Amino acid sequence: MNNSLVSRRLLSALALVALAIAIPALAHAGRPAPAVPQGIAVVDGYKPFLVAHAAGVQIHECIQDAGGYRWRFAGPRADLYGDKGKLIATHFAGPSWQARDGSNVTATLDGNGSVTDDSTAIPWLRLRVTSATAGADGDRLVAAKYIQRINTAGGLAPAAASCNTATLGQVAEMPYTADYVVWTTTGN
């Protein structure tokens, strides 16, 4: 065999080895972590695997308490869309999320994991998943460990003065948008 042929085969073999090493690394890289304030950053050992764009309402109810009247947060109702505009999940009280395959998760605020980025919008949050269940058609959300709510607009309760004797028991649905970033362990 001549040296030129040996050199080409060696270069081809090295290129295949480099590609074999790079492909799994890219497959595990996933989506880049969003730039967020430290208060809602997800700790090392986790990576984002799903980003959804939500459009919906934050539901508030006018109640009476010891101090008079106030708007109490009752829950969200939103549709979540992928980057191409396709409906991928819904969001509702719990807080809970259900993917189109029927898989669902429920989460709770993680420590002090909220940041007010805009005084005219609901806070950004870091939530820790407390339960995850596969659906009849799949398990898209089962690996979820954390969920961040970022890039919020709207959703705040109505003005405090608007909750009074005349509005007691009324429900206000305040439009909002947000991005939800779903995180899993880096081993998944």
Foldseek 3Di string as FASTA:
>chain_A
DDPVVVVVVVVVVVVVVVVVVVVVVVVLQADQDDDDPPLQDDDPQKDFHAKWKKKWWFKWAWAQDPVAIFTDTDWIWIFTAGPVGHTFWIAIPLRKIAGPQGKMWGWAFDDSAWDCPDPQWGTKTKTATPDIDAHPRGGVQRQFGIKIWAPKHKHDDPDGVVRHPVRHGPMDIMIMMTMMTTMGGSVD
